[in-house]
Structures are given as C-alpha cells and as structure tokens.
Amino acid sequence: VDEAALVRLTAEHGLRAGLDVFENEPGAAGETFEDEAIRSCASIYGSHHTGARTAQAAESVDEAVLRVVQAFMEGSPVPGAVNSVRQPVI
C-alpha cells in the first residue's frame, strides 16, 4: 500500500482504512510504532496481523494439519516437508 497516497486520499475523500500490514512494520512488542503520518491520521486504523483469524482460516489450518499427519502415518510424502528423511514412529 502506498501509505502516503492512502493518508492523502482518506483526507481528501473522507475515506476510512484499516491496516494490519505496514510499509515499515513495527518491531517487537516493546517498541512503539514510529510512522507519524499513519499514527496522526484519524481515519486510518492500525492493528496487528489479524487476517488469518477467521473461522474459515482456522478450519483450513485444521484440514492441513490432518493431511500432514495422515500422510506421515501412511508413509506417504508429507506435504510441505522441508526434511524428507522419515524417522520411525515410536
């Protein structure tokens, strides 16, 4: 997102925006967000990353975990595995 354009357009057109990703991401939890243009714009609302916090996203994660466990238990290639060495199940 072009944050400078977003700030300008929200002011010019009375728009509101919500962001959970920023051009200059905030650091660790103890640090403050330093982007003054975004912080001072009353019509832009910032939040931590929340895009994946939906019922649909949770269900997709559940299904992916089940596919991985099932493939492993069947001795099949595990989807998304970085290490292809199969260890015996204890």
PDB file of N, CA and C in Angstrom:
ATOM      1  N   VAL A   1       0.846  -1.172   0.000  1.00  0.00           N
ATOM      2  CA  VAL A   1       0.000   0.000   0.000  1.00  0.00           C
ATOM      3  C   VAL A   1       0.891   1.235   0.000  1.00  0.00           C
ATOM      4  N   ASP A   2       0.563   2.159  -0.848  1.00  0.00           N
ATOM      5  CA  ASP A   2       1.250   3.451  -0.857  1.00  0.00           C
ATOM      6  C   ASP A   2       0.653   4.266   0.289  1.00  0.00           C
ATOM      7  N   GLU A   3       1.334   4.260   1.425  1.00  0.00           N
ATOM      8  CA  GLU A   3       0.778   4.878   2.632  1.00  0.00           C
ATOM      9  C   GLU A   3       0.602   6.381   2.486  1.00  0.00           C
ATOM     10  N   ALA A   4       1.513   7.036   1.797  1.00  0.00           N
ATOM     11  CA  ALA A   4       1.377   8.497   1.608  1.00  0.00           C
ATOM     12  C   ALA A   4       0.105   8.800   0.820  1.00  0.00           C
ATOM     13  N   ALA A   5      -0.155   8.026  -0.226  1.00  0.00           N
ATOM     14  CA  ALA A   5      -1.378   8.219  -1.017  1.00  0.00           C
ATOM     15  C   ALA A   5      -2.611   7.885  -0.185  1.00  0.00           C
ATOM     16  N   LEU A   6      -2.520   6.858   0.638  1.00  0.00           N
ATOM     17  CA  LEU A   6      -3.652   6.481   1.487  1.00  0.00           C
ATOM     18  C   LEU A   6      -3.992   7.599   2.463  1.00  0.00           C
ATOM     19  N   VAL A   7      -2.988   8.177   3.089  1.00  0.00           N
ATOM     20  CA  VAL A   7      -3.215   9.287   4.014  1.00  0.00           C
ATOM     21  C   VAL A   7      -3.873  10.447   3.269  1.00  0.00           C
ATOM     22  N   ARG A   8      -3.339  10.783   2.105  1.00  0.00           N
ATOM     23  CA  ARG A   8      -3.878  11.904   1.320  1.00  0.00           C
ATOM     24  C   ARG A   8      -5.322  11.628   0.899  1.00  0.00           C
ATOM     25  N   LEU A   9      -5.586  10.438   0.383  1.00  0.00           N
ATOM     26  CA  LEU A   9      -6.924  10.128  -0.125  1.00  0.00           C
ATOM     27  C   LEU A   9      -7.965  10.013   0.979  1.00  0.00           C
ATOM     28  N   THR A  10      -7.571   9.519   2.140  1.00  0.00           N
ATOM     29  CA  THR A  10      -8.546   9.469   3.239  1.00  0.00           C
ATOM     30  C   THR A  10      -8.953  10.872   3.644  1.00  0.00           C
ATOM     31  N   ALA A  11      -7.991  11.792   3.620  1.00  0.00           N
ATOM     32  CA  ALA A  11      -8.304  13.187   3.974  1.00  0.00           C
ATOM     33  C   ALA A  11      -9.131  13.860   2.883  1.00  0.00           C
ATOM     34  N   GLU A  12      -8.769  13.646   1.631  1.00  0.00           N
ATOM     35  CA  GLU A  12      -9.451  14.326   0.519  1.00  0.00           C
ATOM     36  C   GLU A  12     -10.858  13.806   0.266  1.00  0.00           C
ATOM     37  N   HIS A  13     -11.085  12.525   0.506  1.00  0.00           N
ATOM     38  CA  HIS A  13     -12.364  11.911   0.130  1.00  0.00           C
ATOM     39  C   HIS A  13     -13.177  11.384   1.309  1.00  0.00           C
ATOM     40  N   GLY A  14     -12.736  11.658   2.515  1.00  0.00           N
ATOM     41  CA  GLY A  14     -13.483  11.215   3.689  1.00  0.00           C
ATOM     42  C   GLY A  14     -13.515   9.710   3.846  1.00  0.00           C
ATOM     43  N   LEU A  15     -12.503   9.040   3.353  1.00  0.00           N
ATOM     44  CA  LEU A  15     -12.440   7.576   3.452  1.00  0.00           C
ATOM     45  C   LEU A  15     -11.883   7.152   4.801  1.00  0.00           C
ATOM     46  N   ARG A  16     -12.115   5.914   5.137  1.00  0.00           N
ATOM     47  CA  ARG A  16     -11.502   5.293   6.306  1.00  0.00           C
ATOM     48  C   ARG A  16     -10.802   4.022   5.847  1.00  0.00           C
ATOM     49  N   ALA A  17      -9.746   3.646   6.534  1.00  0.00           N
ATOM     50  CA  ALA A  17      -8.995   2.449   6.159  1.00  0.00           C
ATOM     51  C   ALA A  17      -8.515   1.723   7.401  1.00  0.00           C
ATOM     52  N   GLY A  18      -8.400   0.431   7.288  1.00  0.00           N
ATOM     53  CA  GLY A  18      -7.836  -0.395   8.347  1.00  0.00           C
ATOM     54  C   GLY A  18      -6.643  -1.139   7.789  1.00  0.00           C
ATOM     55  N   LEU A  19      -5.528  -1.101   8.492  1.00  0.00           N
ATOM     56  CA  LEU A  19      -4.308  -1.765   8.042  1.00  0.00           C
ATOM     57  C   LEU A  19      -3.796  -2.729   9.101  1.00  0.00           C
ATOM     58  N   ASP A  20      -3.334  -3.893   8.660  1.00  0.00           N
ATOM     59  CA  ASP A  20      -2.614  -4.763   9.575  1.00  0.00           C
ATOM     60  C   ASP A  20      -1.243  -5.120   9.004  1.00  0.00           C
ATOM     61  N   VAL A  21      -0.880  -4.485   7.904  1.00  0.00           N
ATOM     62  CA  VAL A  21       0.451  -4.604   7.314  1.00  0.00           C
ATOM     63  C   VAL A  21       0.891  -3.189   6.968  1.00  0.00           C
ATOM     64  N   PHE A  22       2.130  -2.876   7.289  1.00  0.00           N
ATOM     65  CA  PHE A  22       2.616  -1.517   7.100  1.00  0.00           C
ATOM     66  C   PHE A  22       3.903  -1.508   6.296  1.00  0.00           C
ATOM     67  N   GLU A  23       4.139  -0.389   5.629  1.00  0.00           N
ATOM     68  CA  GLU A  23       5.369  -0.217   4.856  1.00  0.00           C
ATOM     69  C   GLU A  23       6.586  -0.424   5.754  1.00  0.00           C
ATOM     70  N   ASN A  24       6.577   0.150   6.923  1.00  0.00           N
ATOM     71  CA  ASN A  24       7.639  -0.041   7.925  1.00  0.00           C
ATOM     72  C   ASN A  24       7.009  -0.730   9.123  1.00  0.00           C
ATOM     73  N   GLU A  25       7.096  -2.044   9.130  1.00  0.00           N
ATOM     74  CA  GLU A  25       6.453  -2.829  10.180  1.00  0.00           C
ATOM     75  C   GLU A  25       6.985  -2.452  11.558  1.00  0.00           C
ATOM     76  N   PRO A  26       6.089  -2.366  12.533  1.00  0.00           N
ATOM     77  CA  PRO A  26       6.539  -2.135  13.911  1.00  0.00           C
ATOM     78  C   PRO A  26       7.444  -3.285  14.349  1.00  0.00           C
ATOM     79  N   GLY A  27       8.354  -3.001  15.258  1.00  0.00           N
ATOM     80  CA  GLY A  27       9.268  -4.031  15.744  1.00  0.00           C
ATOM     81  C   GLY A  27       8.641  -4.893  16.815  1.00  0.00           C
ATOM     82  N   ALA A  28       9.441  -5.257  17.784  1.00  0.00           N
ATOM     83  CA  ALA A  28       8.994  -6.116  18.880  1.00  0.00           C
ATOM     84  C   ALA A  28       7.888  -5.442  19.676  1.00  0.00           C
ATOM     85  N   ALA A  29       7.214  -6.233  20.484  1.00  0.00           N
ATOM     86  CA  ALA A  29       6.063  -5.746  21.240  1.00  0.00           C
ATOM     87  C   ALA A  29       6.398  -4.541  22.117  1.00  0.00           C
ATOM     88  N   GLY A  30       7.629  -4.432  22.580  1.00  0.00           N
ATOM     89  CA  GLY A  30       8.004  -3.330  23.451  1.00  0.00           C
ATOM     90  C   GLY A  30       8.308  -2.038  22.721  1.00  0.00           C
ATOM     91  N   GLU A  31       8.358  -2.094  21.393  1.00  0.00           N
ATOM     92  CA  GLU A  31       8.692  -0.904  20.622  1.00  0.00           C
ATOM     93  C   GLU A  31       7.429  -0.153  20.220  1.00  0.00           C
ATOM     94  N   THR A  32       7.575   1.127  19.944  1.00  0.00           N
ATOM     95  CA  THR A  32       6.435   1.927  19.506  1.00  0.00           C
ATOM     96  C   THR A  32       6.432   2.035  17.989  1.00  0.00           C
ATOM     97  N   PHE A  33       5.284   2.272  17.444  1.00  0.00           N
ATOM     98  CA  PHE A  33       5.109   2.447  16.007  1.00  0.00           C
ATOM     99  C   PHE A  33       5.487   3.877  15.671  1.00  0.00           C
ATOM    100  N   GLU A  34       6.462   4.056  14.789  1.00  0.00           N
ATOM    101  CA  GLU A  34       7.040   5.379  14.557  1.00  0.00           C
ATOM    102  C   GLU A  34       6.504   6.105  13.332  1.00  0.00           C
ATOM    103  N   ASP A  35       5.591   5.529  12.578  1.00  0.00           N
ATOM    104  CA  ASP A  35       5.111   6.173  11.351  1.00  0.00           C
ATOM    105  C   ASP A  35       4.128   7.275  11.705  1.00  0.00           C
ATOM    106  N   GLU A  36       4.630   8.495  11.804  1.00  0.00           N
ATOM    107  CA  GLU A  36       3.822   9.626  12.264  1.00  0.00           C
ATOM    108  C   GLU A  36       2.654   9.917  11.332  1.00  0.00           C
ATOM    109  N   ALA A  37       2.848   9.765  10.013  1.00  0.00           N
ATOM    110  CA  ALA A  37       1.767  10.060   9.063  1.00  0.00           C
ATOM    111  C   ALA A  37       0.571   9.140   9.304  1.00  0.00           C
ATOM    112  N   ILE A  38       0.824   7.872   9.523  1.00  0.00           N
ATOM    113  CA  ILE A  38      -0.261   6.912   9.781  1.00  0.00           C
ATOM    114  C   ILE A  38      -0.818   7.138  11.191  1.00  0.00           C
ATOM    115  N   ARG A  39       0.059   7.292  12.164  1.00  0.00           N
ATOM    116  CA  ARG A  39      -0.392   7.480  13.556  1.00  0.00           C
ATOM    117  C   ARG A  39      -1.269   8.704  13.729  1.00  0.00           C
ATOM    118  N   SER A  40      -0.981   9.765  12.995  1.00  0.00           N
ATOM    119  CA  SER A  40      -1.722  11.007  13.186  1.00  0.00           C
ATOM    120  C   SER A  40      -2.976  11.102  12.322  1.00  0.00           C
ATOM    121  N   CYS A  41      -3.203  10.141  11.462  1.00  0.00           N
ATOM    122  CA  CYS A  41      -4.382  10.170  10.584  1.00  0.00           C
ATOM    123  C   CYS A  41      -5.549   9.492  11.308  1.00  0.00           C
ATOM    124  N   ALA A  42      -6.530  10.282  11.705  1.00  0.00           N
ATOM    125  CA  ALA A  42      -7.652   9.762  12.489  1.00  0.00           C
ATOM    126  C   ALA A  42      -8.518   8.766  11.729  1.00  0.00           C
ATOM    127  N   SER A  43      -8.424   8.732  10.403  1.00  0.00           N
ATOM    128  CA  SER A  43      -9.283   7.835   9.633  1.00  0.00           C
ATOM    129  C   SER A  43      -8.579   6.551   9.196  1.00  0.00           C
ATOM    130  N   ILE A  44      -7.359   6.336   9.672  1.00  0.00           N
ATOM    131  CA  ILE A  44      -6.653   5.084   9.395  1.00  0.00           C
ATOM    132  C   ILE A  44      -6.462   4.358  10.711  1.00  0.00           C
ATOM    133  N   TYR A  45      -6.947   3.144  10.750  1.00  0.00           N
ATOM    134  CA  TYR A  45      -6.902   2.326  11.956  1.00  0.00           C
ATOM    135  C   TYR A  45      -5.876   1.226  11.754  1.00  0.00           C
ATOM    136  N   GLY A  46      -4.943   1.110  12.682  1.00  0.00           N
ATOM    137  CA  GLY A  46      -3.899   0.093  12.595  1.00  0.00           C
ATOM    138  C   GLY A  46      -4.118  -1.009  13.597  1.00  0.00           C
ATOM    139  N   SER A  47      -3.669  -2.187  13.242  1.00  0.00           N
ATOM    140  CA  SER A  47      -3.843  -3.357  14.092  1.00  0.00           C
ATOM    141  C   SER A  47      -2.714  -4.338  13.804  1.00  0.00           C
ATOM    142  N   HIS A  48      -2.496  -5.252  14.710  1.00  0.00           N
ATOM    143  CA  HIS A  48      -1.553  -6.339  14.432  1.00  0.00           C
ATOM    144  C   HIS A  48      -2.164  -7.245  13.373  1.00  0.00           C
ATOM    145  N   HIS A  49      -1.392  -8.178  12.854  1.00  0.00           N
ATOM    146  CA  HIS A  49      -1.875  -9.048  11.781  1.00  0.00           C
ATOM    147  C   HIS A  49      -3.067  -9.875  12.261  1.00  0.00           C
ATOM    148  N   THR A  50      -4.210  -9.681  11.645  1.00  0.00           N
ATOM    149  CA  THR A  50      -5.413 -10.412  12.047  1.00  0.00           C
ATOM    150  C   THR A  50      -6.107 -11.102  10.886  1.00  0.00           C
ATOM    151  N   GLY A  51      -5.556 -11.002   9.695  1.00  0.00           N
ATOM    152  CA  GLY A  51      -6.209 -11.563   8.509  1.00  0.00           C
ATOM    153  C   GLY A  51      -6.477 -13.053   8.601  1.00  0.00           C
ATOM    154  N   ALA A  52      -5.665 -13.773   9.359  1.00  0.00           N
ATOM    155  CA  ALA A  52      -5.833 -15.217   9.444  1.00  0.00           C
ATOM    156  C   ALA A  52      -6.717 -15.648  10.605  1.00  0.00           C
ATOM    157  N   ARG A  53      -7.295 -14.718  11.315  1.00  0.00           N
ATOM    158  CA  ARG A  53      -8.119 -15.056  12.481  1.00  0.00           C
ATOM    159  C   ARG A  53      -9.591 -15.087  12.109  1.00  0.00           C
ATOM    160  N   THR A  54      -9.916 -16.024  11.259  1.00  0.00           N
ATOM    161  CA  THR A  54     -11.303 -16.214  10.870  1.00  0.00           C
ATOM    162  C   THR A  54     -11.647 -17.683  11.051  1.00  0.00           C
ATOM    163  N   ALA A  55     -12.920 -17.989  11.114  1.00  0.00           N
ATOM    164  CA  ALA A  55     -13.336 -19.387  11.235  1.00  0.00           C
ATOM    165  C   ALA A  55     -12.862 -20.189  10.022  1.00  0.00           C
ATOM    166  N   GLN A  56     -12.946 -19.589   8.841  1.00  0.00           N
ATOM    167  CA  GLN A  56     -12.511 -20.270   7.621  1.00  0.00           C
ATOM    168  C   GLN A  56     -11.005 -20.559   7.670  1.00  0.00           C
ATOM    169  N   ALA A  57     -10.212 -19.605   8.141  1.00  0.00           N
ATOM    170  CA  ALA A  57      -8.770 -19.821   8.241  1.00  0.00           C
ATOM    171  C   ALA A  57      -8.450 -20.922   9.242  1.00  0.00           C
ATOM    172  N   ALA A  58      -9.129 -20.929  10.377  1.00  0.00           N
ATOM    173  CA  ALA A  58      -8.903 -21.967  11.388  1.00  0.00           C
ATOM    174  C   ALA A  58      -9.256 -23.339  10.837  1.00  0.00           C
ATOM    175  N   GLU A  59     -10.342 -23.428  10.105  1.00  0.00           N
ATOM    176  CA  GLU A  59     -10.746 -24.699   9.504  1.00  0.00           C
ATOM    177  C   GLU A  59      -9.712 -25.157   8.476  1.00  0.00           C
ATOM    178  N   SER A  60      -9.189 -24.235   7.691  1.00  0.00           N
ATOM    179  CA  SER A  60      -8.167 -24.585   6.695  1.00  0.00           C
ATOM    180  C   SER A  60      -6.900 -25.103   7.362  1.00  0.00           C
ATOM    181  N   VAL A  61      -6.506 -24.481   8.463  1.00  0.00           N
ATOM    182  CA  VAL A  61      -5.332 -24.943   9.198  1.00  0.00           C
ATOM    183  C   VAL A  61      -5.590 -26.339   9.749  1.00  0.00           C
ATOM    184  N   ASP A  62      -6.757 -26.559  10.324  1.00  0.00           N
ATOM    185  CA  ASP A  62      -7.110 -27.888  10.845  1.00  0.00           C
ATOM    186  C   ASP A  62      -7.005 -28.941   9.756  1.00  0.00           C
ATOM    187  N   GLU A  63      -7.553 -28.654   8.584  1.00  0.00           N
ATOM    188  CA  GLU A  63      -7.523 -29.607   7.478  1.00  0.00           C
ATOM    189  C   GLU A  63      -6.097 -29.871   7.006  1.00  0.00           C
ATOM    190  N   ALA A  64      -5.268 -28.830   6.968  1.00  0.00           N
ATOM    191  CA  ALA A  64      -3.875 -29.002   6.540  1.00  0.00           C
ATOM    192  C   ALA A  64      -3.109 -29.879   7.530  1.00  0.00           C
ATOM    193  N   VAL A  65      -3.333 -29.664   8.817  1.00  0.00           N
ATOM    194  CA  VAL A  65      -2.662 -30.483   9.835  1.00  0.00           C
ATOM    195  C   VAL A  65      -3.079 -31.936   9.690  1.00  0.00           C
ATOM    196  N   LEU A  66      -4.356 -32.180   9.487  1.00  0.00           N
ATOM    197  CA  LEU A  66      -4.831 -33.549   9.321  1.00  0.00           C
ATOM    198  C   LEU A  66      -4.213 -34.211   8.094  1.00  0.00           C
ATOM    199  N   ARG A  67      -4.080 -33.464   6.982  1.00  0.00           N
ATOM    200  CA  ARG A  67      -3.446 -34.022   5.773  1.00  0.00           C
ATOM    201  C   ARG A  67      -1.986 -34.398   6.039  1.00  0.00           C
ATOM    202  N   VAL A  68      -1.273 -33.549   6.776  1.00  0.00           N
ATOM    203  CA  VAL A  68       0.132 -33.822   7.083  1.00  0.00           C
ATOM    204  C   VAL A  68       0.254 -35.064   7.959  1.00  0.00           C
ATOM    205  N   VAL A  69      -0.540 -35.144   9.017  1.00  0.00           N
ATOM    206  CA  VAL A  69      -0.485 -36.293   9.930  1.00  0.00           C
ATOM    207  C   VAL A  69      -0.875 -37.574   9.189  1.00  0.00           C
ATOM    208  N   GLN A  70      -1.915 -37.508   8.389  1.00  0.00           N
ATOM    209  CA  GLN A  70      -2.360 -38.691   7.649  1.00  0.00           C
ATOM    210  C   GLN A  70      -1.265 -39.154   6.680  1.00  0.00           C
ATOM    211  N   ALA A  71      -0.664 -38.246   5.948  1.00  0.00           N
ATOM    212  CA  ALA A  71       0.401 -38.625   5.013  1.00  0.00           C
ATOM    213  C   ALA A  71       1.567 -39.257   5.760  1.00  0.00           C
ATOM    214  N   PHE A  72       1.945 -38.668   6.882  1.00  0.00           N
ATOM    215  CA  PHE A  72       3.045 -39.218   7.675  1.00  0.00           C
ATOM    216  C   PHE A  72       2.728 -40.629   8.156  1.00  0.00           C
ATOM    217  N   MET A  73       1.542 -40.817   8.703  1.00  0.00           N
ATOM    218  CA  MET A  73       1.162 -42.128   9.237  1.00  0.00           C
ATOM    219  C   MET A  73       1.062 -43.192   8.142  1.00  0.00           C
ATOM    220  N   GLU A  74       0.732 -42.772   6.920  1.00  0.00           N
ATOM    221  CA  GLU A  74       0.634 -43.712   5.801  1.00  0.00           C
ATOM    222  C   GLU A  74       1.984 -43.955   5.124  1.00  0.00           C
ATOM    223  N   GLY A  75       3.008 -43.230   5.544  1.00  0.00           N
ATOM    224  CA  GLY A  75       4.317 -43.368   4.922  1.00  0.00           C
ATOM    225  C   GLY A  75       4.425 -42.652   3.587  1.00  0.00           C
ATOM    226  N   SER A  76       3.478 -41.779   3.302  1.00  0.00           N
ATOM    227  CA  SER A  76       3.482 -41.010   2.055  1.00  0.00           C
ATOM    228  C   SER A  76       4.326 -39.753   2.225  1.00  0.00           C
ATOM    229  N   PRO A  77       4.686 -39.110   1.102  1.00  0.00           N
ATOM    230  CA  PRO A  77       5.389 -37.827   1.228  1.00  0.00           C
ATOM    231  C   PRO A  77       4.520 -36.820   1.997  1.00  0.00           C
ATOM    232  N   VAL A  78       5.140 -36.120   2.916  1.00  0.00           N
ATOM    233  CA  VAL A  78       4.426 -35.161   3.752  1.00  0.00           C
ATOM    234  C   VAL A  78       4.360 -33.824   3.024  1.00  0.00           C
ATOM    235  N   PRO A  79       3.150 -33.290   2.808  1.00  0.00           N
ATOM    236  CA  PRO A  79       3.020 -32.007   2.119  1.00  0.00           C
ATOM    237  C   PRO A  79       3.769 -30.895   2.855  1.00  0.00           C
ATOM    238  N   GLY A  80       4.577 -30.146   2.119  1.00  0.00           N
ATOM    239  CA  GLY A  80       5.282 -29.013   2.693  1.00  0.00           C
ATOM    240  C   GLY A  80       6.497 -29.364   3.525  1.00  0.00           C
ATOM    241  N   ALA A  81       6.878 -30.656   3.561  1.00  0.00           N
ATOM    242  CA  ALA A  81       8.026 -31.049   4.386  1.00  0.00           C
ATOM    243  C   ALA A  81       9.324 -30.516   3.798  1.00  0.00           C
ATOM    244  N   VAL A  82      10.156 -29.973   4.640  1.00  0.00           N
ATOM    245  CA  VAL A  82      11.463 -29.487   4.213  1.00  0.00           C
ATOM    246  C   VAL A  82      12.483 -30.612   4.332  1.00  0.00           C
ATOM    247  N   ASN A  83      12.376 -31.393   5.368  1.00  0.00           N
ATOM    248  CA  ASN A  83      13.288 -32.506   5.623  1.00  0.00           C
ATOM    249  C   ASN A  83      12.579 -33.786   5.207  1.00  0.00           C
ATOM    250  N   SER A  84      13.084 -34.441   4.163  1.00  0.00           N
ATOM    251  CA  SER A  84      12.390 -35.620   3.631  1.00  0.00           C
ATOM    252  C   SER A  84      12.847 -36.917   4.290  1.00  0.00           C
ATOM    253  N   VAL A  85      13.706 -36.852   5.291  1.00  0.00           N
ATOM    254  CA  VAL A  85      14.157 -38.056   5.973  1.00  0.00           C
ATOM    255  C   VAL A  85      13.046 -38.538   6.888  1.00  0.00           C
ATOM    256  N   ARG A  86      12.597 -39.762   6.683  1.00  0.00           N
ATOM    257  CA  ARG A  86      11.499 -40.310   7.505  1.00  0.00           C
ATOM    258  C   ARG A  86      12.086 -40.992   8.719  1.00  0.00           C
ATOM    259  N   GLN A  87      11.608 -40.605   9.869  1.00  0.00           N
ATOM    260  CA  GLN A  87      12.012 -41.211  11.129  1.00  0.00           C
ATOM    261  C   GLN A  87      10.967 -42.251  11.539  1.00  0.00           C
ATOM    262  N   PRO A  88      11.389 -43.347  12.141  1.00  0.00           N
ATOM    263  CA  PRO A  88      10.416 -44.346  12.566  1.00  0.00           C
ATOM    264  C   PRO A  88       9.476 -43.791  13.639  1.00  0.00           C
ATOM    265  N   VAL A  89       8.233 -44.235  13.582  1.00  0.00           N
ATOM    266  CA  VAL A  89       7.254 -43.840  14.594  1.00  0.00           C
ATOM    267  C   VAL A  89       7.502 -44.678  15.828  1.00  0.00           C
ATOM    268  N   ILE A  90       7.614 -44.026  16.966  1.00  0.00           N
ATOM    269  CA  ILE A  90       7.876 -44.749  18.215  1.00  0.00           C
ATOM    270  C   ILE A  90       6.596 -44.960  18.959  1.00  0.00           C
TER     271      ILE A  90
END
